[in-house]
Amino acid sequence: MSPLSRGDVAHLADLARIDLSETELDRMVGELGVILESVATVQQAPIEGVSPMSHPMPLTNVTRPDVVVPGLSAEEALSGAPEAEQQRFSVPRILTED
């Protein structure tokens, strides 16, 4: 038997601003009950001597190291631009002053 009542589920749905139909309320009583039972089972796991961790498997950073390399000059960056003005890309205005 689920420790949740239909009223509990309706209250939780109201707090979460979820509009549940009568059928959905009845179904959610059982589904939330199963979830609560599963959490209770996990909480009974022996954890003495187990260090807290963020992932079940060790993670290795696969990114490359940061290396400073020279970037493009303004002329090189603008070399393929259709139009440039004052070392900037020149684009048509799409907004008015209104």
PDB file of N, CA and C in Angstrom:
ATOM      1  N   MET A   1       0.847  -1.193   0.000  1.00  0.00           N
ATOM      2  CA  MET A   1       0.000   0.000   0.000  1.00  0.00           C
ATOM      3  C   MET A   1       0.882   1.243   0.000  1.00  0.00           C
ATOM      4  N   SER A   2       0.526   2.199  -0.788  1.00  0.00           N
ATOM      5  CA  SER A   2       1.290   3.428  -0.919  1.00  0.00           C
ATOM      6  C   SER A   2       1.084   4.319   0.300  1.00  0.00           C
ATOM      7  N   PRO A   3       2.169   4.921   0.804  1.00  0.00           N
ATOM      8  CA  PRO A   3       2.011   5.836   1.939  1.00  0.00           C
ATOM      9  C   PRO A   3       1.368   7.159   1.528  1.00  0.00           C
ATOM     10  N   LEU A   4       1.215   7.382   0.227  1.00  0.00           N
ATOM     11  CA  LEU A   4       0.600   8.611  -0.270  1.00  0.00           C
ATOM     12  C   LEU A   4      -0.905   8.418  -0.445  1.00  0.00           C
ATOM     13  N   SER A   5      -1.635   9.444  -0.093  1.00  0.00           N
ATOM     14  CA  SER A   5      -3.070   9.421  -0.364  1.00  0.00           C
ATOM     15  C   SER A   5      -3.342  10.228  -1.625  1.00  0.00           C
ATOM     16  N   ARG A   6      -4.547  10.115  -2.122  1.00  0.00           N
ATOM     17  CA  ARG A   6      -4.948  10.887  -3.296  1.00  0.00           C
ATOM     18  C   ARG A   6      -4.885  12.376  -2.989  1.00  0.00           C
ATOM     19  N   GLY A   7      -5.226  12.736  -1.766  1.00  0.00           N
ATOM     20  CA  GLY A   7      -5.144  14.133  -1.345  1.00  0.00           C
ATOM     21  C   GLY A   7      -3.714  14.649  -1.319  1.00  0.00           C
ATOM     22  N   ASP A   8      -2.763  13.767  -0.910  1.00  0.00           N
ATOM     23  CA  ASP A   8      -1.347  14.156  -0.917  1.00  0.00           C
ATOM     24  C   ASP A   8      -0.883  14.470  -2.343  1.00  0.00           C
ATOM     25  N   VAL A   9      -1.276  13.616  -3.278  1.00  0.00           N
ATOM     26  CA  VAL A   9      -0.877  13.816  -4.672  1.00  0.00           C
ATOM     27  C   VAL A   9      -1.517  15.089  -5.221  1.00  0.00           C
ATOM     28  N   ALA A  10      -2.766  15.314  -4.894  1.00  0.00           N
ATOM     29  CA  ALA A  10      -3.441  16.533  -5.348  1.00  0.00           C
ATOM     30  C   ALA A  10      -2.743  17.758  -4.777  1.00  0.00           C
ATOM     31  N   HIS A  11      -2.328  17.684  -3.521  1.00  0.00           N
ATOM     32  CA  HIS A  11      -1.621  18.814  -2.900  1.00  0.00           C
ATOM     33  C   HIS A  11      -0.271  19.050  -3.575  1.00  0.00           C
ATOM     34  N   LEU A  12       0.476  17.982  -3.842  1.00  0.00           N
ATOM     35  CA  LEU A  12       1.765  18.116  -4.529  1.00  0.00           C
ATOM     36  C   LEU A  12       1.584  18.690  -5.930  1.00  0.00           C
ATOM     37  N   ALA A  13       0.562  18.234  -6.629  1.00  0.00           N
ATOM     38  CA  ALA A  13       0.297  18.748  -7.977  1.00  0.00           C
ATOM     39  C   ALA A  13      -0.048  20.235  -7.911  1.00  0.00           C
ATOM     40  N   ASP A  14      -0.800  20.623  -6.893  1.00  0.00           N
ATOM     41  CA  ASP A  14      -1.153  22.033  -6.732  1.00  0.00           C
ATOM     42  C   ASP A  14       0.092  22.871  -6.451  1.00  0.00           C
ATOM     43  N   LEU A  15       0.976  22.377  -5.587  1.00  0.00           N
ATOM     44  CA  LEU A  15       2.213  23.102  -5.289  1.00  0.00           C
ATOM     45  C   LEU A  15       3.082  23.254  -6.531  1.00  0.00           C
ATOM     46  N   ALA A  16       3.093  22.234  -7.373  1.00  0.00           N
ATOM     47  CA  ALA A  16       3.906  22.259  -8.594  1.00  0.00           C
ATOM     48  C   ALA A  16       3.177  22.934  -9.751  1.00  0.00           C
ATOM     49  N   ARG A  17       1.976  23.410  -9.489  1.00  0.00           N
ATOM     50  CA  ARG A  17       1.162  24.074 -10.520  1.00  0.00           C
ATOM     51  C   ARG A  17       0.907  23.151 -11.712  1.00  0.00           C
ATOM     52  N   ILE A  18       0.601  21.886 -11.381  1.00  0.00           N
ATOM     53  CA  ILE A  18       0.284  20.891 -12.396  1.00  0.00           C
ATOM     54  C   ILE A  18      -1.193  20.555 -12.284  1.00  0.00           C
ATOM     55  N   ASP A  19      -1.904  20.705 -13.370  1.00  0.00           N
ATOM     56  CA  ASP A  19      -3.330  20.409 -13.388  1.00  0.00           C
ATOM     57  C   ASP A  19      -3.520  18.951 -13.780  1.00  0.00           C
ATOM     58  N   LEU A  20      -3.909  18.115 -12.824  1.00  0.00           N
ATOM     59  CA  LEU A  20      -4.107  16.693 -13.081  1.00  0.00           C
ATOM     60  C   LEU A  20      -5.596  16.371 -13.098  1.00  0.00           C
ATOM     61  N   SER A  21      -5.985  15.510 -14.036  1.00  0.00           N
ATOM     62  CA  SER A  21      -7.376  15.048 -14.073  1.00  0.00           C
ATOM     63  C   SER A  21      -7.579  14.027 -12.962  1.00  0.00           C
ATOM     64  N   GLU A  22      -8.823  13.638 -12.758  1.00  0.00           N
ATOM     65  CA  GLU A  22      -9.133  12.642 -11.719  1.00  0.00           C
ATOM     66  C   GLU A  22      -8.432  11.317 -12.010  1.00  0.00           C
ATOM     67  N   THR A  23      -8.408  10.922 -13.271  1.00  0.00           N
ATOM     68  CA  THR A  23      -7.740   9.674 -13.664  1.00  0.00           C
ATOM     69  C   THR A  23      -6.234   9.770 -13.420  1.00  0.00           C
ATOM     70  N   GLU A  24      -5.659  10.913 -13.766  1.00  0.00           N
ATOM     71  CA  GLU A  24      -4.215  11.095 -13.555  1.00  0.00           C
ATOM     72  C   GLU A  24      -3.875  11.092 -12.074  1.00  0.00           C
ATOM     73  N   LEU A  25      -4.719  11.680 -11.247  1.00  0.00           N
ATOM     74  CA  LEU A  25      -4.476  11.658  -9.795  1.00  0.00           C
ATOM     75  C   LEU A  25      -4.438  10.228  -9.281  1.00  0.00           C
ATOM     76  N   ASP A  26      -5.418   9.420  -9.715  1.00  0.00           N
ATOM     77  CA  ASP A  26      -5.456   8.021  -9.267  1.00  0.00           C
ATOM     78  C   ASP A  26      -4.209   7.266  -9.712  1.00  0.00           C
ATOM     79  N   ARG A  27      -3.779   7.492 -10.957  1.00  0.00           N
ATOM     80  CA  ARG A  27      -2.592   6.807 -11.474  1.00  0.00           C
ATOM     81  C   ARG A  27      -1.329   7.268 -10.752  1.00  0.00           C
ATOM     82  N   MET A  28      -1.233   8.572 -10.469  1.00  0.00           N
ATOM     83  CA  MET A  28      -0.028   9.118  -9.843  1.00  0.00           C
ATOM     84  C   MET A  28       0.153   8.638  -8.405  1.00  0.00           C
ATOM     85  N   VAL A  29      -0.935   8.309  -7.714  1.00  0.00           N
ATOM     86  CA  VAL A  29      -0.806   7.777  -6.346  1.00  0.00           C
ATOM     87  C   VAL A  29       0.075   6.538  -6.368  1.00  0.00           C
ATOM     88  N   GLY A  30      -0.198   5.637  -7.311  1.00  0.00           N
ATOM     89  CA  GLY A  30       0.605   4.414  -7.414  1.00  0.00           C
ATOM     90  C   GLY A  30       2.012   4.678  -7.906  1.00  0.00           C
ATOM     91  N   GLU A  31       2.145   5.536  -8.923  1.00  0.00           N
ATOM     92  CA  GLU A  31       3.467   5.802  -9.493  1.00  0.00           C
ATOM     93  C   GLU A  31       4.379   6.507  -8.488  1.00  0.00           C
ATOM     94  N   LEU A  32       3.868   7.497  -7.793  1.00  0.00           N
ATOM     95  CA  LEU A  32       4.694   8.179  -6.789  1.00  0.00           C
ATOM     96  C   LEU A  32       5.006   7.256  -5.619  1.00  0.00           C
ATOM     97  N   GLY A  33       4.093   6.356  -5.316  1.00  0.00           N
ATOM     98  CA  GLY A  33       4.356   5.374  -4.265  1.00  0.00           C
ATOM     99  C   GLY A  33       5.530   4.479  -4.617  1.00  0.00           C
ATOM    100  N   VAL A  34       5.594   4.042  -5.872  1.00  0.00           N
ATOM    101  CA  VAL A  34       6.713   3.202  -6.329  1.00  0.00           C
ATOM    102  C   VAL A  34       8.022   3.982  -6.252  1.00  0.00           C
ATOM    103  N   ILE A  35       7.983   5.251  -6.626  1.00  0.00           N
ATOM    104  CA  ILE A  35       9.187   6.087  -6.569  1.00  0.00           C
ATOM    105  C   ILE A  35       9.659   6.225  -5.125  1.00  0.00           C
ATOM    106  N   LEU A  36       8.737   6.486  -4.213  1.00  0.00           N
ATOM    107  CA  LEU A  36       9.120   6.629  -2.798  1.00  0.00           C
ATOM    108  C   LEU A  36       9.680   5.330  -2.239  1.00  0.00           C
ATOM    109  N   GLU A  37       9.099   4.199  -2.631  1.00  0.00           N
ATOM    110  CA  GLU A  37       9.622   2.907  -2.178  1.00  0.00           C
ATOM    111  C   GLU A  37      11.025   2.667  -2.731  1.00  0.00           C
ATOM    112  N   SER A  38      11.265   3.056  -3.971  1.00  0.00           N
ATOM    113  CA  SER A  38      12.596   2.888  -4.572  1.00  0.00           C
ATOM    114  C   SER A  38      13.623   3.747  -3.860  1.00  0.00           C
ATOM    115  N   VAL A  39      13.263   4.976  -3.525  1.00  0.00           N
ATOM    116  CA  VAL A  39      14.179   5.856  -2.797  1.00  0.00           C
ATOM    117  C   VAL A  39      14.477   5.267  -1.430  1.00  0.00           C
ATOM    118  N   ALA A  40      13.466   4.730  -0.759  1.00  0.00           N
ATOM    119  CA  ALA A  40      13.673   4.120   0.555  1.00  0.00           C
ATOM    120  C   ALA A  40      14.622   2.935   0.457  1.00  0.00           C
ATOM    121  N   THR A  41      14.517   2.155  -0.616  1.00  0.00           N
ATOM    122  CA  THR A  41      15.410   1.007  -0.813  1.00  0.00           C
ATOM    123  C   THR A  41      16.849   1.474  -1.009  1.00  0.00           C
ATOM    124  N   VAL A  42      17.045   2.513  -1.814  1.00  0.00           N
ATOM    125  CA  VAL A  42      18.392   3.033  -2.057  1.00  0.00           C
ATOM    126  C   VAL A  42      18.985   3.602  -0.773  1.00  0.00           C
ATOM    127  N   GLN A  43      18.160   4.225   0.046  1.00  0.00           N
ATOM    128  CA  GLN A  43      18.656   4.811   1.293  1.00  0.00           C
ATOM    129  C   GLN A  43      19.146   3.753   2.276  1.00  0.00           C
ATOM    130  N   GLN A  44      18.771   2.500   2.082  1.00  0.00           N
ATOM    131  CA  GLN A  44      19.214   1.424   2.965  1.00  0.00           C
ATOM    132  C   GLN A  44      20.552   0.824   2.540  1.00  0.00           C
ATOM    133  N   ALA A  45      21.123   1.312   1.461  1.00  0.00           N
ATOM    134  CA  ALA A  45      22.405   0.783   0.979  1.00  0.00           C
ATOM    135  C   ALA A  45      23.494   1.073   1.996  1.00  0.00           C
ATOM    136  N   PRO A  46      24.402   0.086   2.205  1.00  0.00           N
ATOM    137  CA  PRO A  46      25.497   0.315   3.147  1.00  0.00           C
ATOM    138  C   PRO A  46      26.514   1.304   2.555  1.00  0.00           C
ATOM    139  N   ILE A  47      26.691   2.443   3.199  1.00  0.00           N
ATOM    140  CA  ILE A  47      27.583   3.467   2.649  1.00  0.00           C
ATOM    141  C   ILE A  47      28.757   3.778   3.572  1.00  0.00           C
ATOM    142  N   GLU A  48      28.920   3.027   4.639  1.00  0.00           N
ATOM    143  CA  GLU A  48      30.048   3.274   5.528  1.00  0.00           C
ATOM    144  C   GLU A  48      31.355   3.052   4.763  1.00  0.00           C
ATOM    145  N   GLY A  49      32.252   4.016   4.844  1.00  0.00           N
ATOM    146  CA  GLY A  49      33.542   3.907   4.201  1.00  0.00           C
ATOM    147  C   GLY A  49      33.532   4.237   2.721  1.00  0.00           C
ATOM    148  N   VAL A  50      32.418   4.668   2.184  1.00  0.00           N
ATOM    149  CA  VAL A  50      32.334   5.032   0.768  1.00  0.00           C
ATOM    150  C   VAL A  50      32.466   6.545   0.664  1.00  0.00           C
ATOM    151  N   SER A  51      33.438   6.987  -0.100  1.00  0.00           N
ATOM    152  CA  SER A  51      33.654   8.418  -0.268  1.00  0.00           C
ATOM    153  C   SER A  51      32.585   9.000  -1.186  1.00  0.00           C
ATOM    154  N   PRO A  52      32.111  10.198  -0.870  1.00  0.00           N
ATOM    155  CA  PRO A  52      31.150  10.841  -1.778  1.00  0.00           C
ATOM    156  C   PRO A  52      31.805  11.115  -3.128  1.00  0.00           C
ATOM    157  N   MET A  53      31.020  11.005  -4.192  1.00  0.00           N
ATOM    158  CA  MET A  53      31.548  11.258  -5.530  1.00  0.00           C
ATOM    159  C   MET A  53      30.444  11.856  -6.392  1.00  0.00           C
ATOM    160  N   SER A  54      30.865  12.527  -7.451  1.00  0.00           N
ATOM    161  CA  SER A  54      29.878  13.140  -8.342  1.00  0.00           C
ATOM    162  C   SER A  54      29.484  12.203  -9.483  1.00  0.00           C
ATOM    163  N   HIS A  55      30.317  11.197  -9.771  1.00  0.00           N
ATOM    164  CA  HIS A  55      30.037  10.268 -10.860  1.00  0.00           C
ATOM    165  C   HIS A  55      30.410   8.855 -10.412  1.00  0.00           C
ATOM    166  N   PRO A  56      29.712   7.844 -10.923  1.00  0.00           N
ATOM    167  CA  PRO A  56      30.046   6.478 -10.523  1.00  0.00           C
ATOM    168  C   PRO A  56      31.348   5.966 -11.125  1.00  0.00           C
ATOM    169  N   MET A  57      31.795   6.594 -12.227  1.00  0.00           N
ATOM    170  CA  MET A  57      33.032   6.185 -12.876  1.00  0.00           C
ATOM    171  C   MET A  57      34.027   7.335 -12.792  1.00  0.00           C
ATOM    172  N   PRO A  58      35.315   7.047 -12.678  1.00  0.00           N
ATOM    173  CA  PRO A  58      36.292   8.141 -12.667  1.00  0.00           C
ATOM    174  C   PRO A  58      36.276   8.895 -13.993  1.00  0.00           C
ATOM    175  N   LEU A  59      36.383  10.205 -13.908  1.00  0.00           N
ATOM    176  CA  LEU A  59      36.367  11.030 -15.117  1.00  0.00           C
ATOM    177  C   LEU A  59      37.779  11.498 -15.444  1.00  0.00           C
ATOM    178  N   THR A  60      38.074  11.527 -16.724  1.00  0.00           N
ATOM    179  CA  THR A  60      39.353  12.041 -17.189  1.00  0.00           C
ATOM    180  C   THR A  60      39.072  13.216 -18.105  1.00  0.00           C
ATOM    181  N   ASN A  61      39.757  14.312 -17.874  1.00  0.00           N
ATOM    182  CA  ASN A  61      39.575  15.481 -18.713  1.00  0.00           C
ATOM    183  C   ASN A  61      40.174  15.184 -20.083  1.00  0.00           C
ATOM    184  N   VAL A  62      39.351  15.259 -21.120  1.00  0.00           N
ATOM    185  CA  VAL A  62      39.811  14.926 -22.463  1.00  0.00           C
ATOM    186  C   VAL A  62      40.055  16.167 -23.314  1.00  0.00           C
ATOM    187  N   THR A  63      40.019  17.343 -22.702  1.00  0.00           N
ATOM    188  CA  THR A  63      40.270  18.549 -23.467  1.00  0.00           C
ATOM    189  C   THR A  63      41.768  18.785 -23.575  1.00  0.00           C
ATOM    190  N   ARG A  64      42.135  19.510 -24.582  1.00  0.00           N
ATOM    191  CA  ARG A  64      43.551  19.806 -24.783  1.00  0.00           C
ATOM    192  C   ARG A  64      43.962  20.927 -23.838  1.00  0.00           C
ATOM    193  N   PRO A  65      45.219  21.029 -23.524  1.00  0.00           N
ATOM    194  CA  PRO A  65      45.670  22.126 -22.666  1.00  0.00           C
ATOM    195  C   PRO A  65      45.563  23.463 -23.406  1.00  0.00           C
ATOM    196  N   ASP A  66      45.317  24.526 -22.652  1.00  0.00           N
ATOM    197  CA  ASP A  66      45.262  25.859 -23.247  1.00  0.00           C
ATOM    198  C   ASP A  66      46.657  26.296 -23.649  1.00  0.00           C
ATOM    199  N   VAL A  67      46.795  26.672 -24.913  1.00  0.00           N
ATOM    200  CA  VAL A  67      48.064  27.156 -25.434  1.00  0.00           C
ATOM    201  C   VAL A  67      47.783  28.480 -26.130  1.00  0.00           C
ATOM    202  N   VAL A  68      48.542  29.490 -25.778  1.00  0.00           N
ATOM    203  CA  VAL A  68      48.359  30.795 -26.411  1.00  0.00           C
ATOM    204  C   VAL A  68      48.958  30.747 -27.806  1.00  0.00           C
ATOM    205  N   VAL A  69      48.123  31.079 -28.790  1.00  0.00           N
ATOM    206  CA  VAL A  69      48.581  31.130 -30.175  1.00  0.00           C
ATOM    207  C   VAL A  69      48.153  32.476 -30.741  1.00  0.00           C
ATOM    208  N   PRO A  70      48.882  32.989 -31.694  1.00  0.00           N
ATOM    209  CA  PRO A  70      48.492  34.279 -32.255  1.00  0.00           C
ATOM    210  C   PRO A  70      47.169  34.168 -32.994  1.00  0.00           C
ATOM    211  N   GLY A  71      46.348  35.211 -32.883  1.00  0.00           N
ATOM    212  CA  GLY A  71      45.063  35.255 -33.569  1.00  0.00           C
ATOM    213  C   GLY A  71      45.187  35.973 -34.892  1.00  0.00           C
ATOM    214  N   LEU A  72      44.055  36.187 -35.537  1.00  0.00           N
ATOM    215  CA  LEU A  72      44.041  36.891 -36.809  1.00  0.00           C
ATOM    216  C   LEU A  72      44.197  38.387 -36.578  1.00  0.00           C
ATOM    217  N   SER A  73      44.865  39.029 -37.499  1.00  0.00           N
ATOM    218  CA  SER A  73      44.903  40.490 -37.451  1.00  0.00           C
ATOM    219  C   SER A  73      43.559  40.998 -37.978  1.00  0.00           C
ATOM    220  N   ALA A  74      43.275  42.278 -37.757  1.00  0.00           N
ATOM    221  CA  ALA A  74      42.019  42.852 -38.245  1.00  0.00           C
ATOM    222  C   ALA A  74      41.928  42.719 -39.757  1.00  0.00           C
ATOM    223  N   GLU A  75      43.023  42.925 -40.460  1.00  0.00           N
ATOM    224  CA  GLU A  75      43.015  42.815 -41.916  1.00  0.00           C
ATOM    225  C   GLU A  75      42.710  41.385 -42.356  1.00  0.00           C
ATOM    226  N   GLU A  76      43.309  40.408 -41.690  1.00  0.00           N
ATOM    227  CA  GLU A  76      43.065  39.015 -42.042  1.00  0.00           C
ATOM    228  C   GLU A  76      41.610  38.626 -41.758  1.00  0.00           C
ATOM    229  N   ALA A  77      41.072  39.078 -40.630  1.00  0.00           N
ATOM    230  CA  ALA A  77      39.698  38.747 -40.269  1.00  0.00           C
ATOM    231  C   ALA A  77      38.708  39.363 -41.243  1.00  0.00           C
ATOM    232  N   LEU A  78      38.994  40.568 -41.712  1.00  0.00           N
ATOM    233  CA  LEU A  78      38.085  41.277 -42.607  1.00  0.00           C
ATOM    234  C   LEU A  78      38.347  40.991 -44.080  1.00  0.00           C
ATOM    235  N   SER A  79      39.338  40.163 -44.389  1.00  0.00           N
ATOM    236  CA  SER A  79      39.714  39.936 -45.784  1.00  0.00           C
ATOM    237  C   SER A  79      38.586  39.327 -46.608  1.00  0.00           C
ATOM    238  N   GLY A  80      37.715  38.552 -46.019  1.00  0.00           N
ATOM    239  CA  GLY A  80      36.629  37.936 -46.771  1.00  0.00           C
ATOM    240  C   GLY A  80      35.300  38.646 -46.601  1.00  0.00           C
ATOM    241  N   ALA A  81      35.303  39.767 -45.884  1.00  0.00           N
ATOM    242  CA  ALA A  81      34.051  40.489 -45.654  1.00  0.00           C
ATOM    243  C   ALA A  81      33.618  41.223 -46.905  1.00  0.00           C
ATOM    244  N   PRO A  82      32.312  41.221 -47.222  1.00  0.00           N
ATOM    245  CA  PRO A  82      31.840  41.968 -48.388  1.00  0.00           C
ATOM    246  C   PRO A  82      32.115  43.463 -48.245  1.00  0.00           C
ATOM    247  N   GLU A  83      31.929  43.978 -47.032  1.00  0.00           N
ATOM    248  CA  GLU A  83      32.196  45.391 -46.783  1.00  0.00           C
ATOM    249  C   GLU A  83      32.800  45.535 -45.396  1.00  0.00           C
ATOM    250  N   ALA A  84      33.753  46.469 -45.275  1.00  0.00           N
ATOM    251  CA  ALA A  84      34.370  46.757 -43.992  1.00  0.00           C
ATOM    252  C   ALA A  84      34.502  48.263 -43.853  1.00  0.00           C
ATOM    253  N   GLU A  85      34.412  48.735 -42.618  1.00  0.00           N
ATOM    254  CA  GLU A  85      34.523  50.165 -42.352  1.00  0.00           C
ATOM    255  C   GLU A  85      35.176  50.347 -40.988  1.00  0.00           C
ATOM    256  N   GLN A  86      36.239  51.105 -40.912  1.00  0.00           N
ATOM    257  CA  GLN A  86      36.972  51.392 -39.675  1.00  0.00           C
ATOM    258  C   GLN A  86      37.370  50.102 -38.956  1.00  0.00           C
ATOM    259  N   GLN A  87      37.912  49.141 -39.687  1.00  0.00           N
ATOM    260  CA  GLN A  87      38.363  47.846 -39.184  1.00  0.00           C
ATOM    261  C   GLN A  87      37.228  47.069 -38.500  1.00  0.00           C
ATOM    262  N   ARG A  88      36.018  47.199 -39.037  1.00  0.00           N
ATOM    263  CA  ARG A  88      34.850  46.472 -38.531  1.00  0.00           C
ATOM    264  C   ARG A  88      34.051  45.962 -39.722  1.00  0.00           C
ATOM    265  N   PHE A  89      33.265  44.902 -39.483  1.00  0.00           N
ATOM    266  CA  PHE A  89      32.344  44.431 -40.503  1.00  0.00           C
ATOM    267  C   PHE A  89      31.279  45.494 -40.699  1.00  0.00           C
ATOM    268  N   SER A  90      30.934  45.775 -41.935  1.00  0.00           N
ATOM    269  CA  SER A  90      29.870  46.721 -42.246  1.00  0.00           C
ATOM    270  C   SER A  90      28.663  45.926 -42.728  1.00  0.00           C
ATOM    271  N   VAL A  91      27.551  46.081 -42.007  1.00  0.00           N
ATOM    272  CA  VAL A  91      26.333  45.335 -42.334  1.00  0.00           C
ATOM    273  C   VAL A  91      25.190  46.312 -42.520  1.00  0.00           C
ATOM    274  N   PRO A  92      24.171  45.953 -43.296  1.00  0.00           N
ATOM    275  CA  PRO A  92      23.051  46.856 -43.479  1.00  0.00           C
ATOM    276  C   PRO A  92      22.249  47.016 -42.194  1.00  0.00           C
ATOM    277  N   ARG A  93      21.710  48.231 -41.993  1.00  0.00           N
ATOM    278  CA  ARG A  93      20.892  48.503 -40.815  1.00  0.00           C
ATOM    279  C   ARG A  93      19.569  47.767 -40.964  1.00  0.00           C
ATOM    280  N   ILE A  94      19.126  47.095 -39.884  1.00  0.00           N
ATOM    281  CA  ILE A  94      17.855  46.395 -39.930  1.00  0.00           C
ATOM    282  C   ILE A  94      16.844  47.003 -38.952  1.00  0.00           C
ATOM    283  N   LEU A  95      17.294  47.829 -38.066  1.00  0.00           N
ATOM    284  CA  LEU A  95      16.414  48.481 -37.098  1.00  0.00           C
ATOM    285  C   LEU A  95      16.368  49.976 -37.382  1.00  0.00           C
ATOM    286  N   THR A  96      15.218  50.561 -37.148  1.00  0.00           N
ATOM    287  CA  THR A  96      15.099  51.999 -37.298  1.00  0.00           C
ATOM    288  C   THR A  96      15.244  52.645 -35.941  1.00  0.00           C
ATOM    289  N   GLU A  97      15.268  53.954 -35.916  1.00  0.00           N
ATOM    290  CA  GLU A  97      15.452  54.685 -34.666  1.00  0.00           C
ATOM    291  C   GLU A  97      14.171  54.782 -33.857  1.00  0.00           C
ATOM    292  N   ASP A  98      13.054  54.275 -34.367  1.00  0.00           N
ATOM    293  CA  ASP A  98      11.765  54.346 -33.666  1.00  0.00           C
ATOM    294  C   ASP A  98      11.779  53.578 -32.382  1.00  0.00           C
TER     295      ASP A  98
END
